[in-house]
PDB file of N, CA and C in Angstrom:
ATOM      1  N   MET A   1      48.724-112.805 -19.378  1.00  0.00           N
ATOM      2  CA  MET A   1      47.635-112.629 -18.451  1.00  0.00           C
ATOM      3  C   MET A   1      47.177-111.168 -18.484  1.00  0.00           C
ATOM      4  N   GLU A   2      45.900-110.975 -18.654  1.00  0.00           N
ATOM      5  CA  GLU A   2      45.343-109.627 -18.711  1.00  0.00           C
ATOM      6  C   GLU A   2      44.922-109.180 -17.309  1.00  0.00           C
ATOM      7  N   LEU A   3      45.328-107.971 -16.948  1.00  0.00           N
ATOM      8  CA  LEU A   3      44.977-107.440 -15.636  1.00  0.00           C
ATOM      9  C   LEU A   3      43.617-106.779 -15.681  1.00  0.00           C
ATOM     10  N   LYS A   4      42.794-107.049 -14.689  1.00  0.00           N
ATOM     11  CA  LYS A   4      41.495-106.386 -14.580  1.00  0.00           C
ATOM     12  C   LYS A   4      41.689-105.052 -13.879  1.00  0.00           C
ATOM     13  N   GLU A   5      40.856-104.096 -14.243  1.00  0.00           N
ATOM     14  CA  GLU A   5      40.898-102.799 -13.577  1.00  0.00           C
ATOM     15  C   GLU A   5      39.705-102.680 -12.649  1.00  0.00           C
ATOM     16  N   TYR A   6      39.959-102.119 -11.474  1.00  0.00           N
ATOM     17  CA  TYR A   6      38.910-101.919 -10.488  1.00  0.00           C
ATOM     18  C   TYR A   6      38.921-100.461 -10.048  1.00  0.00           C
ATOM     19  N   PRO A   7      37.749 -99.860  -9.939  1.00  0.00           N
ATOM     20  CA  PRO A   7      37.729 -98.488  -9.404  1.00  0.00           C
ATOM     21  C   PRO A   7      38.071 -98.506  -7.922  1.00  0.00           C
ATOM     22  N   ILE A   8      38.716 -97.450  -7.471  1.00  0.00           N
ATOM     23  CA  ILE A   8      39.036 -97.372  -6.053  1.00  0.00           C
ATOM     24  C   ILE A   8      37.848 -96.800  -5.297  1.00  0.00           C
ATOM     25  N   LYS A   9      37.767 -97.095  -4.017  1.00  0.00           N
ATOM     26  CA  LYS A   9      36.696 -96.588  -3.172  1.00  0.00           C
ATOM     27  C   LYS A   9      37.355 -95.964  -1.947  1.00  0.00           C
ATOM     28  N   VAL A  10      37.270 -94.632  -1.845  1.00  0.00           N
ATOM     29  CA  VAL A  10      37.891 -93.902  -0.742  1.00  0.00           C
ATOM     30  C   VAL A  10      36.961 -92.789  -0.283  1.00  0.00           C
ATOM     31  N   ASN A  11      37.149 -92.353   0.957  1.00  0.00           N
ATOM     32  CA  ASN A  11      36.431 -91.170   1.424  1.00  0.00           C
ATOM     33  C   ASN A  11      37.282 -89.943   1.079  1.00  0.00           C
ATOM     34  N   PRO A  12      36.744 -88.728   1.224  1.00  0.00           N
ATOM     35  CA  PRO A  12      37.511 -87.531   0.841  1.00  0.00           C
ATOM     36  C   PRO A  12      38.860 -87.401   1.541  1.00  0.00           C
ATOM     37  N   PHE A  13      38.933 -87.753   2.815  1.00  0.00           N
ATOM     38  CA  PHE A  13      40.211 -87.669   3.527  1.00  0.00           C
ATOM     39  C   PHE A  13      41.233 -88.616   2.913  1.00  0.00           C
ATOM     40  N   GLU A  14      40.829 -89.867   2.715  1.00  0.00           N
ATOM     41  CA  GLU A  14      41.732 -90.859   2.130  1.00  0.00           C
ATOM     42  C   GLU A  14      42.173 -90.433   0.730  1.00  0.00           C
ATOM     43  N   ALA A  15      41.252 -89.875  -0.038  1.00  0.00           N
ATOM     44  CA  ALA A  15      41.582 -89.423  -1.392  1.00  0.00           C
ATOM     45  C   ALA A  15      42.657 -88.342  -1.349  1.00  0.00           C
ATOM     46  N   GLY A  16      42.521 -87.398  -0.434  1.00  0.00           N
ATOM     47  CA  GLY A  16      43.501 -86.327  -0.314  1.00  0.00           C
ATOM     48  C   GLY A  16      44.871 -86.836   0.091  1.00  0.00           C
ATOM     49  N   VAL A  17      44.895 -87.761   1.027  1.00  0.00           N
ATOM     50  CA  VAL A  17      46.168 -88.340   1.481  1.00  0.00           C
ATOM     51  C   VAL A  17      46.834 -89.114   0.337  1.00  0.00           C
ATOM     52  N   LEU A  18      46.057 -89.947  -0.352  1.00  0.00           N
ATOM     53  CA  LEU A  18      46.626 -90.717  -1.455  1.00  0.00           C
ATOM     54  C   LEU A  18      47.130 -89.813  -2.576  1.00  0.00           C
ATOM     55  N   LEU A  19      46.357 -88.782  -2.909  1.00  0.00           N
ATOM     56  CA  LEU A  19      46.768 -87.861  -3.965  1.00  0.00           C
ATOM     57  C   LEU A  19      48.081 -87.176  -3.594  1.00  0.00           C
ATOM     58  N   ALA A  20      48.187 -86.724  -2.352  1.00  0.00           N
ATOM     59  CA  ALA A  20      49.432 -86.073  -1.904  1.00  0.00           C
ATOM     60  C   ALA A  20      50.610 -87.041  -1.947  1.00  0.00           C
ATOM     61  N   LEU A  21      50.400 -88.285  -1.553  1.00  0.00           N
ATOM     62  CA  LEU A  21      51.477 -89.279  -1.585  1.00  0.00           C
ATOM     63  C   LEU A  21      51.937 -89.556  -3.011  1.00  0.00           C
ATOM     64  N   ILE A  22      50.987 -89.658  -3.928  1.00  0.00           N
ATOM     65  CA  ILE A  22      51.351 -89.931  -5.321  1.00  0.00           C
ATOM     66  C   ILE A  22      52.081 -88.736  -5.921  1.00  0.00           C
ATOM     67  N   ILE A  23      51.599 -87.524  -5.655  1.00  0.00           N
ATOM     68  CA  ILE A  23      52.225 -86.319  -6.211  1.00  0.00           C
ATOM     69  C   ILE A  23      53.672 -86.195  -5.748  1.00  0.00           C
ATOM     70  N   THR A  24      53.945 -86.571  -4.514  1.00  0.00           N
ATOM     71  CA  THR A  24      55.302 -86.423  -3.972  1.00  0.00           C
ATOM     72  C   THR A  24      56.171 -87.679  -4.152  1.00  0.00           C
ATOM     73  N   ALA A  25      55.614 -88.710  -4.767  1.00  0.00           N
ATOM     74  CA  ALA A  25      56.346 -89.967  -4.945  1.00  0.00           C
ATOM     75  C   ALA A  25      57.405 -89.853  -6.046  1.00  0.00           C
ATOM     76  N   GLU A  26      58.302 -90.827  -6.076  1.00  0.00           N
ATOM     77  CA  GLU A  26      59.297 -90.902  -7.139  1.00  0.00           C
ATOM     78  C   GLU A  26      58.605 -91.252  -8.453  1.00  0.00           C
ATOM     79  N   GLN A  27      59.247 -90.917  -9.567  1.00  0.00           N
ATOM     80  CA  GLN A  27      58.647 -91.060 -10.891  1.00  0.00           C
ATOM     81  C   GLN A  27      58.162 -92.484 -11.177  1.00  0.00           C
ATOM     82  N   GLU A  28      58.939 -93.479 -10.810  1.00  0.00           N
ATOM     83  CA  GLU A  28      58.533 -94.865 -11.071  1.00  0.00           C
ATOM     84  C   GLU A  28      57.232 -95.205 -10.346  1.00  0.00           C
ATOM     85  N   THR A  29      57.110 -94.758  -9.113  1.00  0.00           N
ATOM     86  CA  THR A  29      55.886 -94.996  -8.345  1.00  0.00           C
ATOM     87  C   THR A  29      54.714 -94.259  -8.975  1.00  0.00           C
ATOM     88  N   LYS A  30      54.939 -93.020  -9.407  1.00  0.00           N
ATOM     89  CA  LYS A  30      53.878 -92.246 -10.074  1.00  0.00           C
ATOM     90  C   LYS A  30      53.368 -92.990 -11.304  1.00  0.00           C
ATOM     91  N   GLN A  31      54.281 -93.540 -12.076  1.00  0.00           N
ATOM     92  CA  GLN A  31      53.882 -94.264 -13.287  1.00  0.00           C
ATOM     93  C   GLN A  31      53.052 -95.491 -12.950  1.00  0.00           C
ATOM     94  N   ARG A  32      53.442 -96.206 -11.932  1.00  0.00           N
ATOM     95  CA  ARG A  32      52.712 -97.422 -11.546  1.00  0.00           C
ATOM     96  C   ARG A  32      51.334 -97.107 -10.978  1.00  0.00           C
ATOM     97  N   LEU A  33      51.187 -95.928 -10.405  1.00  0.00           N
ATOM     98  CA  LEU A  33      49.907 -95.544  -9.792  1.00  0.00           C
ATOM     99  C   LEU A  33      49.120 -94.565 -10.656  1.00  0.00           C
ATOM    100  N   GLN A  34      49.434 -94.487 -11.937  1.00  0.00           N
ATOM    101  CA  GLN A  34      48.782 -93.526 -12.828  1.00  0.00           C
ATOM    102  C   GLN A  34      47.258 -93.699 -12.835  1.00  0.00           C
ATOM    103  N   GLY A  35      46.773 -94.926 -12.876  1.00  0.00           N
ATOM    104  CA  GLY A  35      45.333 -95.169 -12.887  1.00  0.00           C
ATOM    105  C   GLY A  35      44.660 -94.678 -11.612  1.00  0.00           C
ATOM    106  N   VAL A  36      45.296 -94.903 -10.479  1.00  0.00           N
ATOM    107  CA  VAL A  36      44.761 -94.427  -9.199  1.00  0.00           C
ATOM    108  C   VAL A  36      44.781 -92.901  -9.175  1.00  0.00           C
ATOM    109  N   TYR A  37      45.879 -92.319  -9.642  1.00  0.00           N
ATOM    110  CA  TYR A  37      46.026 -90.859  -9.711  1.00  0.00           C
ATOM    111  C   TYR A  37      44.891 -90.249 -10.535  1.00  0.00           C
ATOM    112  N   GLU A  38      44.619 -90.814 -11.696  1.00  0.00           N
ATOM    113  CA  GLU A  38      43.556 -90.293 -12.554  1.00  0.00           C
ATOM    114  C   GLU A  38      42.187 -90.371 -11.877  1.00  0.00           C
ATOM    115  N   GLN A  39      41.935 -91.464 -11.168  1.00  0.00           N
ATOM    116  CA  GLN A  39      40.661 -91.595 -10.453  1.00  0.00           C
ATOM    117  C   GLN A  39      40.556 -90.568  -9.329  1.00  0.00           C
ATOM    118  N   LEU A  40      41.656 -90.328  -8.623  1.00  0.00           N
ATOM    119  CA  LEU A  40      41.644 -89.358  -7.530  1.00  0.00           C
ATOM    120  C   LEU A  40      41.430 -87.934  -8.043  1.00  0.00           C
ATOM    121  N   VAL A  41      42.063 -87.604  -9.165  1.00  0.00           N
ATOM    122  CA  VAL A  41      41.872 -86.274  -9.753  1.00  0.00           C
ATOM    123  C   VAL A  41      40.413 -86.110 -10.187  1.00  0.00           C
ATOM    124  N   ALA A  42      39.833 -87.132 -10.791  1.00  0.00           N
ATOM    125  CA  ALA A  42      38.426 -87.069 -11.194  1.00  0.00           C
ATOM    126  C   ALA A  42      37.520 -86.901  -9.976  1.00  0.00           C
ATOM    127  N   PHE A  43      37.829 -87.628  -8.904  1.00  0.00           N
ATOM    128  CA  PHE A  43      37.062 -87.527  -7.667  1.00  0.00           C
ATOM    129  C   PHE A  43      37.130 -86.100  -7.105  1.00  0.00           C
ATOM    130  N   LYS A  44      38.340 -85.520  -7.119  1.00  0.00           N
ATOM    131  CA  LYS A  44      38.538 -84.167  -6.604  1.00  0.00           C
ATOM    132  C   LYS A  44      37.797 -83.144  -7.457  1.00  0.00           C
ATOM    133  N   LYS A  45      37.865 -83.298  -8.777  1.00  0.00           N
ATOM    134  CA  LYS A  45      37.171 -82.374  -9.670  1.00  0.00           C
ATOM    135  C   LYS A  45      35.654 -82.424  -9.450  1.00  0.00           C
ATOM    136  N   GLU A  46      35.127 -83.621  -9.264  1.00  0.00           N
ATOM    137  CA  GLU A  46      33.694 -83.783  -9.011  1.00  0.00           C
ATOM    138  C   GLU A  46      33.293 -83.103  -7.703  1.00  0.00           C
ATOM    139  N   ALA A  47      34.086 -83.285  -6.664  1.00  0.00           N
ATOM    140  CA  ALA A  47      33.803 -82.657  -5.369  1.00  0.00           C
ATOM    141  C   ALA A  47      33.873 -81.137  -5.477  1.00  0.00           C
ATOM    142  N   GLU A  48      34.837 -80.626  -6.248  1.00  0.00           N
ATOM    143  CA  GLU A  48      34.962 -79.178  -6.432  1.00  0.00           C
ATOM    144  C   GLU A  48      33.768 -78.615  -7.196  1.00  0.00           C
ATOM    145  N   GLU A  49      33.300 -79.332  -8.219  1.00  0.00           N
ATOM    146  CA  GLU A  49      32.132 -78.888  -8.968  1.00  0.00           C
ATOM    147  C   GLU A  49      30.915 -78.803  -8.059  1.00  0.00           C
ATOM    148  N   GLU A  50      30.729 -79.823  -7.223  1.00  0.00           N
ATOM    149  CA  GLU A  50      29.595 -79.841  -6.291  1.00  0.00           C
ATOM    150  C   GLU A  50      29.666 -78.679  -5.305  1.00  0.00           C
ATOM    151  N   ALA A  51      30.888 -78.257  -4.951  1.00  0.00           N
ATOM    152  CA  ALA A  51      31.074 -77.163  -3.995  1.00  0.00           C
ATOM    153  C   ALA A  51      31.087 -75.799  -4.684  1.00  0.00           C
ATOM    154  N   GLY A  52      30.941 -75.776  -6.008  1.00  0.00           N
ATOM    155  CA  GLY A  52      30.932 -74.514  -6.731  1.00  0.00           C
ATOM    156  C   GLY A  52      32.280 -73.817  -6.763  1.00  0.00           C
ATOM    157  N   VAL A  53      33.356 -74.581  -6.807  1.00  0.00           N
ATOM    158  CA  VAL A  53      34.705 -74.020  -6.788  1.00  0.00           C
ATOM    159  C   VAL A  53      35.086 -73.491  -8.168  1.00  0.00           C
ATOM    160  N   LYS A  54      35.641 -72.283  -8.180  1.00  0.00           N
ATOM    161  CA  LYS A  54      36.165 -71.659  -9.401  1.00  0.00           C
ATOM    162  C   LYS A  54      37.655 -71.438  -9.193  1.00  0.00           C
ATOM    163  N   LYS A  55      38.452 -71.725 -10.238  1.00  0.00           N
ATOM    164  CA  LYS A  55      39.906 -71.557 -10.146  1.00  0.00           C
ATOM    165  C   LYS A  55      40.374 -70.638 -11.259  1.00  0.00           C
ATOM    166  N   GLU A  56      41.332 -69.762 -10.931  1.00  0.00           N
ATOM    167  CA  GLU A  56      41.940 -68.919 -11.954  1.00  0.00           C
ATOM    168  C   GLU A  56      43.407 -68.698 -11.612  1.00  0.00           C
ATOM    169  N   VAL A  57      44.237 -68.716 -12.639  1.00  0.00           N
ATOM    170  CA  VAL A  57      45.661 -68.443 -12.468  1.00  0.00           C
ATOM    171  C   VAL A  57      45.822 -66.929 -12.441  1.00  0.00           C
ATOM    172  N   ILE A  58      46.519 -66.439 -11.414  1.00  0.00           N
ATOM    173  CA  ILE A  58      46.736 -64.999 -11.272  1.00  0.00           C
ATOM    174  C   ILE A  58      48.226 -64.698 -11.410  1.00  0.00           C
ATOM    175  N   SER A  59      48.571 -63.429 -11.294  1.00  0.00           N
ATOM    176  CA  SER A  59      49.968 -63.025 -11.478  1.00  0.00           C
ATOM    177  C   SER A  59      50.891 -63.819 -10.557  1.00  0.00           C
ATOM    178  N   GLY A  60      52.068 -64.094 -11.072  1.00  0.00           N
ATOM    179  CA  GLY A  60      53.049 -64.859 -10.320  1.00  0.00           C
ATOM    180  C   GLY A  60      52.827 -66.356 -10.426  1.00  0.00           C
ATOM    181  N   GLY A  61      51.854 -66.777 -11.259  1.00  0.00           N
ATOM    182  CA  GLY A  61      51.585 -68.195 -11.431  1.00  0.00           C
ATOM    183  C   GLY A  61      50.813 -68.826 -10.290  1.00  0.00           C
ATOM    184  N   LEU A  62      50.290 -67.993  -9.382  1.00  0.00           N
ATOM    185  CA  LEU A  62      49.512 -68.518  -8.266  1.00  0.00           C
ATOM    186  C   LEU A  62      48.094 -68.852  -8.721  1.00  0.00           C
ATOM    187  N   LEU A  63      47.414 -69.633  -7.929  1.00  0.00           N
ATOM    188  CA  LEU A  63      46.055 -70.050  -8.215  1.00  0.00           C
ATOM    189  C   LEU A  63      45.114 -69.423  -7.208  1.00  0.00           C
ATOM    190  N   ARG A  64      44.077 -68.750  -7.697  1.00  0.00           N
ATOM    191  CA  ARG A  64      43.031 -68.213  -6.823  1.00  0.00           C
ATOM    192  C   ARG A  64      41.848 -69.167  -6.899  1.00  0.00           C
ATOM    193  N   ILE A  65      41.455 -69.675  -5.746  1.00  0.00           N
ATOM    194  CA  ILE A  65      40.357 -70.633  -5.655  1.00  0.00           C
ATOM    195  C   ILE A  65      39.233 -69.979  -4.866  1.00  0.00           C
ATOM    196  N   THR A  66      38.039 -69.938  -5.457  1.00  0.00           N
ATOM    197  CA  THR A  66      36.890 -69.326  -4.804  1.00  0.00           C
ATOM    198  C   THR A  66      35.745 -70.334  -4.784  1.00  0.00           C
ATOM    199  N   ASP A  67      35.094 -70.495  -3.618  1.00  0.00           N
ATOM    200  CA  ASP A  67      33.949 -71.398  -3.556  1.00  0.00           C
ATOM    201  C   ASP A  67      32.651 -70.602  -3.677  1.00  0.00           C
ATOM    202  N   LYS A  68      31.518 -71.305  -3.703  1.00  0.00           N
ATOM    203  CA  LYS A  68      30.231 -70.641  -3.919  1.00  0.00           C
ATOM    204  C   LYS A  68      29.859 -69.690  -2.784  1.00  0.00           C
ATOM    205  N   ASP A  69      30.496 -69.826  -1.620  1.00  0.00           N
ATOM    206  CA  ASP A  69      30.226 -68.932  -0.487  1.00  0.00           C
ATOM    207  C   ASP A  69      31.136 -67.707  -0.495  1.00  0.00           C
ATOM    208  N   GLY A  70      32.046 -67.639  -1.471  1.00  0.00           N
ATOM    209  CA  GLY A  70      32.944 -66.497  -1.570  1.00  0.00           C
ATOM    210  C   GLY A  70      34.253 -66.644  -0.823  1.00  0.00           C
ATOM    211  N   ASN A  71      34.490 -67.793  -0.215  1.00  0.00           N
ATOM    212  CA  ASN A  71      35.777 -68.031   0.448  1.00  0.00           C
ATOM    213  C   ASN A  71      36.865 -68.110  -0.609  1.00  0.00           C
ATOM    214  N   VAL A  72      38.006 -67.472  -0.345  1.00  0.00           N
ATOM    215  CA  VAL A  72      39.088 -67.412  -1.321  1.00  0.00           C
ATOM    216  C   VAL A  72      40.378 -67.953  -0.715  1.00  0.00           C
ATOM    217  N   ILE A  73      41.065 -68.777  -1.501  1.00  0.00           N
ATOM    218  CA  ILE A  73      42.389 -69.287  -1.141  1.00  0.00           C
ATOM    219  C   ILE A  73      43.307 -68.975  -2.307  1.00  0.00           C
ATOM    220  N   VAL A  74      44.494 -68.472  -2.021  1.00  0.00           N
ATOM    221  CA  VAL A  74      45.511 -68.239  -3.049  1.00  0.00           C
ATOM    222  C   VAL A  74      46.701 -69.111  -2.681  1.00  0.00           C
ATOM    223  N   ARG A  75      47.122 -69.937  -3.640  1.00  0.00           N
ATOM    224  CA  ARG A  75      48.239 -70.853  -3.376  1.00  0.00           C
ATOM    225  C   ARG A  75      48.918 -71.242  -4.683  1.00  0.00           C
ATOM    226  N   THR A  76      50.034 -71.934  -4.543  1.00  0.00           N
ATOM    227  CA  THR A  76      50.739 -72.492  -5.690  1.00  0.00           C
ATOM    228  C   THR A  76      49.903 -73.647  -6.244  1.00  0.00           C
ATOM    229  N   PRO A  77      49.730 -73.725  -7.556  1.00  0.00           N
ATOM    230  CA  PRO A  77      48.935 -74.820  -8.122  1.00  0.00           C
ATOM    231  C   PRO A  77      49.612 -76.177  -7.975  1.00  0.00           C
ATOM    232  N   LEU A  78      48.807 -77.211  -7.853  1.00  0.00           N
ATOM    233  CA  LEU A  78      49.305 -78.582  -7.849  1.00  0.00           C
ATOM    234  C   LEU A  78      49.571 -79.007  -9.292  1.00  0.00           C
ATOM    235  N   PRO A  79      50.405 -80.012  -9.516  1.00  0.00           N
ATOM    236  CA  PRO A  79      50.776 -80.398 -10.882  1.00  0.00           C
ATOM    237  C   PRO A  79      49.579 -80.638 -11.808  1.00  0.00           C
ATOM    238  N   TYR A  80      48.583 -81.365 -11.370  1.00  0.00           N
ATOM    239  CA  TYR A  80      47.456 -81.684 -12.247  1.00  0.00           C
ATOM    240  C   TYR A  80      46.596 -80.461 -12.565  1.00  0.00           C
ATOM    241  N   GLU A  81      46.681 -79.421 -11.744  1.00  0.00           N
ATOM    242  CA  GLU A  81      45.898 -78.217 -12.010  1.00  0.00           C
ATOM    243  C   GLU A  81      46.476 -77.427 -13.173  1.00  0.00           C
ATOM    244  N   LEU A  82      47.727 -77.665 -13.506  1.00  0.00           N
ATOM    245  CA  LEU A  82      48.360 -76.999 -14.642  1.00  0.00           C
ATOM    246  C   LEU A  82      48.325 -77.847 -15.899  1.00  0.00           C
ATOM    247  N   GLU A  83      47.972 -79.113 -15.760  1.00  0.00           N
ATOM    248  CA  GLU A  83      47.928 -80.032 -16.887  1.00  0.00           C
ATOM    249  C   GLU A  83      46.614 -79.939 -17.645  1.00  0.00           C
ATOM    250  N   GLY A  84      45.814 -78.932 -17.368  1.00  0.00           N
ATOM    251  CA  GLY A  84      44.530 -78.808 -18.040  1.00  0.00           C
ATOM    252  C   GLY A  84      43.444 -79.626 -17.400  1.00  0.00           C
ATOM    253  N   ASN A  85      43.701 -80.188 -16.227  1.00  0.00           N
ATOM    254  CA  ASN A  85      42.688 -80.954 -15.517  1.00  0.00           C
ATOM    255  C   ASN A  85      41.894 -80.009 -14.708  1.00  0.00           C
TER     256      ASN A  85
END
């Protein structure tokens, strides 16, 4: 039996919650939710592009995030941000 794939439909809050749950899940769960994870990362990247977000890795392996208004956040990168996504 072939499984059909369906895109997920979430609002930004739901996307953030789901992404955080998948990132912190056990490896087996991460593997089973890989398709959802990929869609959520794509959704996040699209939202960041629309907001004019720029990211750069700075000393100590931290991530500097700047939006089009000049707001800056420095934090530890999330796993997908280091995977070239």
